[in-house]
Amino acid sequence: MGRLEEFEEFRREMNEKILAEGNLETRRFWNLDGRVYENGRLDSQTKEMMGLVASLVLRCDDCVTYHIIQCHDQGVDRGMFYEVFNIALVVGGSITIPHVRRAVALLDELEAKRAGRSG
């Protein structure tokens, strides 16, 4: 199982476990987090790219992984990803470089998987 599959399985399992506890505030936050990325004055693709920049700058690898998947699903192409990475580097500085490296590795894995070349 690759990093992408591990992330998706762990995220699904833990989200189910956390939400099963029935905490209203947690459920409200989960709902808000999902809804904020829906189309509005800004389209969802733009919002996901903004989420990816913020995640890179904040150095949250789980968030970076999530937003790479979402961006890819929203049609962000490789050139667009590299522009997003450039913005994160300028905003976050050199400390974001390791996170950009992992983001590129994940993007490669995601593209290979979606092209039927997973391994």
N, C-alpha and C. Protein backbone atom coordinates (compact mmCIF):
# COMPACT_ATOMS: atom_id res chain seq x y z
N MET A 1 0.86 -1.18 0.00
CA MET A 1 0.00 0.00 0.00
C MET A 1 0.90 1.24 0.00
N GLY A 2 0.62 2.16 -0.91
CA GLY A 2 1.40 3.39 -1.01
C GLY A 2 0.95 4.44 -0.01
N ARG A 3 1.70 5.49 0.03
CA ARG A 3 1.41 6.59 0.95
C ARG A 3 0.00 7.13 0.74
N LEU A 4 -0.41 7.25 -0.51
CA LEU A 4 -1.72 7.78 -0.84
C LEU A 4 -2.83 6.89 -0.27
N GLU A 5 -2.73 5.58 -0.49
CA GLU A 5 -3.74 4.66 0.02
C GLU A 5 -3.76 4.64 1.54
N GLU A 6 -2.58 4.65 2.15
CA GLU A 6 -2.50 4.67 3.62
C GLU A 6 -3.19 5.91 4.18
N PHE A 7 -2.91 7.05 3.56
CA PHE A 7 -3.53 8.29 4.01
C PHE A 7 -5.05 8.22 3.89
N GLU A 8 -5.54 7.79 2.73
CA GLU A 8 -6.99 7.75 2.51
C GLU A 8 -7.68 6.79 3.46
N GLU A 9 -7.08 5.61 3.68
CA GLU A 9 -7.68 4.63 4.59
C GLU A 9 -7.68 5.14 6.03
N PHE A 10 -6.54 5.65 6.49
CA PHE A 10 -6.44 6.16 7.85
C PHE A 10 -7.41 7.32 8.07
N ARG A 11 -7.47 8.23 7.13
CA ARG A 11 -8.36 9.39 7.25
C ARG A 11 -9.82 8.95 7.34
N ARG A 12 -10.22 8.03 6.47
CA ARG A 12 -11.60 7.54 6.48
C ARG A 12 -11.93 6.86 7.82
N GLU A 13 -11.05 5.97 8.26
CA GLU A 13 -11.29 5.24 9.51
C GLU A 13 -11.38 6.18 10.71
N MET A 14 -10.44 7.11 10.80
CA MET A 14 -10.42 8.02 11.95
C MET A 14 -11.58 9.01 11.91
N ASN A 15 -11.94 9.51 10.73
CA ASN A 15 -13.10 10.40 10.62
C ASN A 15 -14.36 9.69 11.08
N GLU A 16 -14.54 8.44 10.66
CA GLU A 16 -15.71 7.67 11.08
C GLU A 16 -15.73 7.50 12.59
N LYS A 17 -14.59 7.18 13.16
CA LYS A 17 -14.48 6.98 14.61
C LYS A 17 -14.79 8.28 15.37
N ILE A 18 -14.19 9.37 14.93
CA ILE A 18 -14.39 10.65 15.60
C ILE A 18 -15.84 11.10 15.50
N LEU A 19 -16.41 11.02 14.30
CA LEU A 19 -17.79 11.47 14.10
C LEU A 19 -18.80 10.56 14.78
N ALA A 20 -18.45 9.29 14.99
CA ALA A 20 -19.35 8.35 15.65
C ALA A 20 -19.58 8.71 17.12
N GLU A 21 -18.67 9.47 17.69
CA GLU A 21 -18.82 9.88 19.09
C GLU A 21 -19.98 10.86 19.28
N GLY A 22 -20.42 11.48 18.21
CA GLY A 22 -21.61 12.32 18.29
C GLY A 22 -21.41 13.70 18.88
N ASN A 23 -20.18 14.18 18.96
CA ASN A 23 -19.93 15.51 19.50
C ASN A 23 -20.43 16.56 18.51
N LEU A 24 -21.40 17.36 18.93
CA LEU A 24 -22.04 18.34 18.06
C LEU A 24 -21.04 19.36 17.52
N GLU A 25 -20.15 19.85 18.36
CA GLU A 25 -19.19 20.86 17.92
C GLU A 25 -18.25 20.30 16.86
N THR A 26 -17.81 19.06 17.05
CA THR A 26 -16.94 18.43 16.05
C THR A 26 -17.68 18.27 14.73
N ARG A 27 -18.92 17.81 14.81
CA ARG A 27 -19.72 17.65 13.59
C ARG A 27 -19.93 18.99 12.89
N ARG A 28 -20.15 20.04 13.63
CA ARG A 28 -20.33 21.37 13.04
C ARG A 28 -19.05 21.83 12.35
N PHE A 29 -17.91 21.60 13.01
CA PHE A 29 -16.65 22.00 12.40
C PHE A 29 -16.39 21.21 11.12
N TRP A 30 -16.60 19.88 11.16
CA TRP A 30 -16.42 19.05 9.97
C TRP A 30 -17.30 19.58 8.83
N ASN A 31 -18.54 19.91 9.14
CA ASN A 31 -19.47 20.43 8.14
C ASN A 31 -18.97 21.76 7.56
N LEU A 32 -18.55 22.66 8.43
CA LEU A 32 -18.02 23.95 7.97
C LEU A 32 -16.79 23.75 7.10
N ASP A 33 -15.91 22.87 7.53
CA ASP A 33 -14.68 22.61 6.77
C ASP A 33 -15.01 22.10 5.38
N GLY A 34 -16.00 21.28 5.25
CA GLY A 34 -16.38 20.79 3.93
C GLY A 34 -17.07 21.83 3.07
N ARG A 35 -17.92 22.60 3.69
CA ARG A 35 -18.72 23.58 2.94
C ARG A 35 -17.91 24.78 2.47
N VAL A 36 -16.89 25.16 3.20
CA VAL A 36 -16.13 26.36 2.85
C VAL A 36 -15.43 26.22 1.49
N TYR A 37 -15.20 24.98 1.06
CA TYR A 37 -14.52 24.75 -0.22
C TYR A 37 -15.49 24.60 -1.38
N GLU A 38 -16.79 24.74 -1.14
CA GLU A 38 -17.77 24.66 -2.22
C GLU A 38 -17.70 25.92 -3.08
N ASN A 39 -18.20 25.82 -4.30
CA ASN A 39 -18.24 26.99 -5.19
C ASN A 39 -19.01 28.13 -4.54
N GLY A 40 -18.49 29.31 -4.68
CA GLY A 40 -19.12 30.54 -4.22
C GLY A 40 -18.64 31.64 -5.15
N ARG A 41 -18.31 32.79 -4.59
CA ARG A 41 -17.71 33.85 -5.41
C ARG A 41 -16.37 33.37 -5.99
N LEU A 42 -15.69 32.51 -5.21
CA LEU A 42 -14.50 31.82 -5.71
C LEU A 42 -14.91 30.38 -6.02
N ASP A 43 -14.38 29.85 -7.12
CA ASP A 43 -14.72 28.46 -7.44
C ASP A 43 -13.95 27.51 -6.51
N SER A 44 -14.43 26.28 -6.43
CA SER A 44 -13.84 25.33 -5.49
C SER A 44 -12.39 24.99 -5.85
N GLN A 45 -12.04 25.01 -7.12
CA GLN A 45 -10.66 24.75 -7.51
C GLN A 45 -9.72 25.79 -6.90
N THR A 46 -10.10 27.06 -7.01
CA THR A 46 -9.29 28.14 -6.44
C THR A 46 -9.19 27.99 -4.93
N LYS A 47 -10.29 27.66 -4.28
CA LYS A 47 -10.29 27.49 -2.83
C LYS A 47 -9.38 26.34 -2.40
N GLU A 48 -9.40 25.24 -3.15
CA GLU A 48 -8.53 24.11 -2.82
C GLU A 48 -7.06 24.49 -3.00
N MET A 49 -6.75 25.26 -4.04
CA MET A 49 -5.37 25.71 -4.22
C MET A 49 -4.95 26.62 -3.07
N MET A 50 -5.86 27.47 -2.61
CA MET A 50 -5.56 28.32 -1.46
C MET A 50 -5.32 27.46 -0.22
N GLY A 51 -6.14 26.42 -0.06
CA GLY A 51 -5.94 25.50 1.06
C GLY A 51 -4.59 24.81 0.99
N LEU A 52 -4.16 24.46 -0.22
CA LEU A 52 -2.86 23.82 -0.39
C LEU A 52 -1.73 24.78 -0.03
N VAL A 53 -1.81 26.01 -0.46
CA VAL A 53 -0.78 27.00 -0.08
C VAL A 53 -0.72 27.14 1.44
N ALA A 54 -1.88 27.31 2.07
CA ALA A 54 -1.90 27.47 3.53
C ALA A 54 -1.32 26.24 4.21
N SER A 55 -1.65 25.06 3.72
CA SER A 55 -1.16 23.83 4.33
C SER A 55 0.34 23.70 4.19
N LEU A 56 0.88 24.08 3.03
CA LEU A 56 2.33 24.05 2.85
C LEU A 56 3.02 25.05 3.78
N VAL A 57 2.47 26.25 3.87
CA VAL A 57 3.07 27.28 4.72
C VAL A 57 3.00 26.88 6.19
N LEU A 58 1.88 26.26 6.59
CA LEU A 58 1.73 25.80 7.97
C LEU A 58 2.44 24.48 8.23
N ARG A 59 2.96 23.85 7.16
CA ARG A 59 3.75 22.63 7.23
C ARG A 59 2.97 21.45 7.82
N CYS A 60 1.74 21.30 7.34
CA CYS A 60 0.90 20.18 7.76
C CYS A 60 0.82 19.16 6.62
N ASP A 61 1.61 18.11 6.71
CA ASP A 61 1.66 17.13 5.62
C ASP A 61 0.33 16.44 5.37
N ASP A 62 -0.44 16.14 6.41
CA ASP A 62 -1.77 15.55 6.19
C ASP A 62 -2.65 16.51 5.40
N CYS A 63 -2.61 17.77 5.74
CA CYS A 63 -3.42 18.77 5.02
C CYS A 63 -2.93 18.93 3.59
N VAL A 64 -1.62 18.92 3.40
CA VAL A 64 -1.06 19.01 2.06
C VAL A 64 -1.56 17.83 1.22
N THR A 65 -1.49 16.64 1.79
CA THR A 65 -1.97 15.44 1.08
C THR A 65 -3.42 15.59 0.70
N TYR A 66 -4.24 15.99 1.66
CA TYR A 66 -5.68 16.14 1.40
C TYR A 66 -5.92 17.15 0.27
N HIS A 67 -5.27 18.29 0.33
CA HIS A 67 -5.52 19.32 -0.67
C HIS A 67 -4.94 18.96 -2.04
N ILE A 68 -3.86 18.20 -2.08
CA ILE A 68 -3.36 17.73 -3.38
C ILE A 68 -4.40 16.83 -4.03
N ILE A 69 -4.98 15.92 -3.25
CA ILE A 69 -6.03 15.04 -3.78
C ILE A 69 -7.20 15.86 -4.27
N GLN A 70 -7.65 16.81 -3.45
CA GLN A 70 -8.80 17.64 -3.83
C GLN A 70 -8.50 18.49 -5.05
N CYS A 71 -7.32 19.10 -5.09
CA CYS A 71 -6.93 19.92 -6.24
C CYS A 71 -6.91 19.07 -7.50
N HIS A 72 -6.32 17.89 -7.41
CA HIS A 72 -6.26 17.00 -8.58
C HIS A 72 -7.67 16.65 -9.04
N ASP A 73 -8.55 16.35 -8.09
CA ASP A 73 -9.95 16.05 -8.43
C ASP A 73 -10.65 17.25 -9.06
N GLN A 74 -10.21 18.46 -8.73
CA GLN A 74 -10.81 19.68 -9.27
C GLN A 74 -10.18 20.09 -10.60
N GLY A 75 -9.26 19.28 -11.11
CA GLY A 75 -8.68 19.56 -12.42
C GLY A 75 -7.42 20.39 -12.42
N VAL A 76 -6.80 20.57 -11.26
CA VAL A 76 -5.53 21.30 -11.22
C VAL A 76 -4.48 20.45 -11.93
N ASP A 77 -3.82 21.04 -12.93
CA ASP A 77 -2.80 20.29 -13.68
C ASP A 77 -1.43 20.54 -13.06
N ARG A 78 -0.45 19.80 -13.56
CA ARG A 78 0.89 19.84 -12.99
C ARG A 78 1.48 21.25 -12.99
N GLY A 79 1.30 21.98 -14.08
CA GLY A 79 1.81 23.35 -14.14
C GLY A 79 1.18 24.24 -13.08
N MET A 80 -0.11 24.07 -12.88
CA MET A 80 -0.80 24.84 -11.85
C MET A 80 -0.28 24.48 -10.46
N PHE A 81 -0.05 23.17 -10.22
CA PHE A 81 0.51 22.75 -8.93
C PHE A 81 1.83 23.45 -8.66
N TYR A 82 2.69 23.52 -9.68
CA TYR A 82 4.00 24.15 -9.47
C TYR A 82 3.88 25.65 -9.21
N GLU A 83 2.88 26.29 -9.76
CA GLU A 83 2.65 27.70 -9.41
C GLU A 83 2.20 27.82 -7.96
N VAL A 84 1.33 26.90 -7.53
CA VAL A 84 0.91 26.87 -6.13
C VAL A 84 2.12 26.65 -5.22
N PHE A 85 2.99 25.70 -5.59
CA PHE A 85 4.19 25.44 -4.79
C PHE A 85 5.06 26.70 -4.72
N ASN A 86 5.18 27.43 -5.83
CA ASN A 86 5.98 28.65 -5.83
C ASN A 86 5.41 29.69 -4.87
N ILE A 87 4.11 29.84 -4.86
CA ILE A 87 3.49 30.80 -3.93
C ILE A 87 3.79 30.38 -2.50
N ALA A 88 3.64 29.10 -2.20
CA ALA A 88 3.92 28.62 -0.84
C ALA A 88 5.37 28.86 -0.45
N LEU A 89 6.29 28.65 -1.39
CA LEU A 89 7.70 28.90 -1.10
C LEU A 89 7.97 30.37 -0.81
N VAL A 90 7.36 31.25 -1.59
CA VAL A 90 7.57 32.68 -1.38
C VAL A 90 6.96 33.12 -0.04
N VAL A 91 5.76 32.64 0.24
CA VAL A 91 5.08 33.03 1.48
C VAL A 91 5.73 32.38 2.69
N GLY A 92 6.05 31.09 2.58
CA GLY A 92 6.53 30.33 3.73
C GLY A 92 8.02 30.28 3.91
N GLY A 93 8.76 30.57 2.86
CA GLY A 93 10.22 30.55 2.95
C GLY A 93 10.79 29.15 2.78
N SER A 94 12.09 29.07 2.97
CA SER A 94 12.81 27.83 2.69
C SER A 94 12.39 26.67 3.60
N ILE A 95 11.77 26.98 4.73
CA ILE A 95 11.35 25.92 5.64
C ILE A 95 10.24 25.06 5.03
N THR A 96 9.60 25.56 3.98
CA THR A 96 8.56 24.77 3.32
C THR A 96 9.11 23.80 2.28
N ILE A 97 10.40 23.90 1.94
CA ILE A 97 10.98 23.06 0.89
C ILE A 97 10.76 21.57 1.14
N PRO A 98 11.00 21.04 2.35
CA PRO A 98 10.76 19.60 2.55
C PRO A 98 9.30 19.21 2.31
N HIS A 99 8.39 20.09 2.60
CA HIS A 99 6.97 19.80 2.41
C HIS A 99 6.61 19.86 0.92
N VAL A 100 7.25 20.74 0.20
CA VAL A 100 7.06 20.78 -1.25
C VAL A 100 7.61 19.50 -1.88
N ARG A 101 8.76 19.03 -1.38
CA ARG A 101 9.32 17.78 -1.89
C ARG A 101 8.33 16.63 -1.71
N ARG A 102 7.78 16.52 -0.51
CA ARG A 102 6.82 15.44 -0.24
C ARG A 102 5.55 15.64 -1.07
N ALA A 103 5.17 16.89 -1.29
CA ALA A 103 3.99 17.17 -2.12
C ALA A 103 4.21 16.71 -3.55
N VAL A 104 5.39 16.96 -4.10
CA VAL A 104 5.69 16.53 -5.46
C VAL A 104 5.71 15.00 -5.53
N ALA A 105 6.30 14.34 -4.54
CA ALA A 105 6.31 12.88 -4.53
C ALA A 105 4.88 12.33 -4.49
N LEU A 106 4.05 12.95 -3.69
CA LEU A 106 2.65 12.51 -3.61
C LEU A 106 1.92 12.78 -4.92
N LEU A 107 2.17 13.93 -5.53
CA LEU A 107 1.56 14.24 -6.81
C LEU A 107 1.96 13.20 -7.86
N ASP A 108 3.23 12.82 -7.87
CA ASP A 108 3.68 11.77 -8.79
C ASP A 108 2.92 10.47 -8.55
N GLU A 109 2.78 10.10 -7.27
CA GLU A 109 2.06 8.87 -6.91
C GLU A 109 0.59 8.96 -7.33
N LEU A 110 -0.02 10.09 -7.09
CA LEU A 110 -1.43 10.28 -7.44
C LEU A 110 -1.63 10.20 -8.96
N GLU A 111 -0.77 10.88 -9.71
CA GLU A 111 -0.89 10.84 -11.16
C GLU A 111 -0.68 9.43 -11.70
N ALA A 112 0.28 8.70 -11.14
CA ALA A 112 0.53 7.32 -11.57
C ALA A 112 -0.68 6.45 -11.26
N LYS A 113 -1.24 6.62 -10.08
CA LYS A 113 -2.40 5.82 -9.68
C LYS A 113 -3.59 6.10 -10.60
N ARG A 114 -3.84 7.36 -10.85
CA ARG A 114 -4.98 7.74 -11.67
C ARG A 114 -4.78 7.34 -13.14
N ALA A 115 -3.53 7.17 -13.54
CA ALA A 115 -3.24 6.74 -14.92
C ALA A 115 -3.18 5.22 -15.02
N GLY A 116 -3.43 4.54 -13.89
CA GLY A 116 -3.43 3.09 -13.89
C GLY A 116 -2.07 2.45 -13.76
N ARG A 117 -1.10 3.24 -13.26
CA ARG A 117 0.27 2.72 -13.12
C ARG A 117 0.66 2.58 -11.67
N SER A 118 -0.31 2.40 -10.76
CA SER A 118 0.04 2.36 -9.33
C SER A 118 0.92 1.16 -9.04
N GLY A 119 1.77 1.37 -8.05
CA GLY A 119 2.68 0.29 -7.72
C GLY A 119 3.33 0.49 -6.45
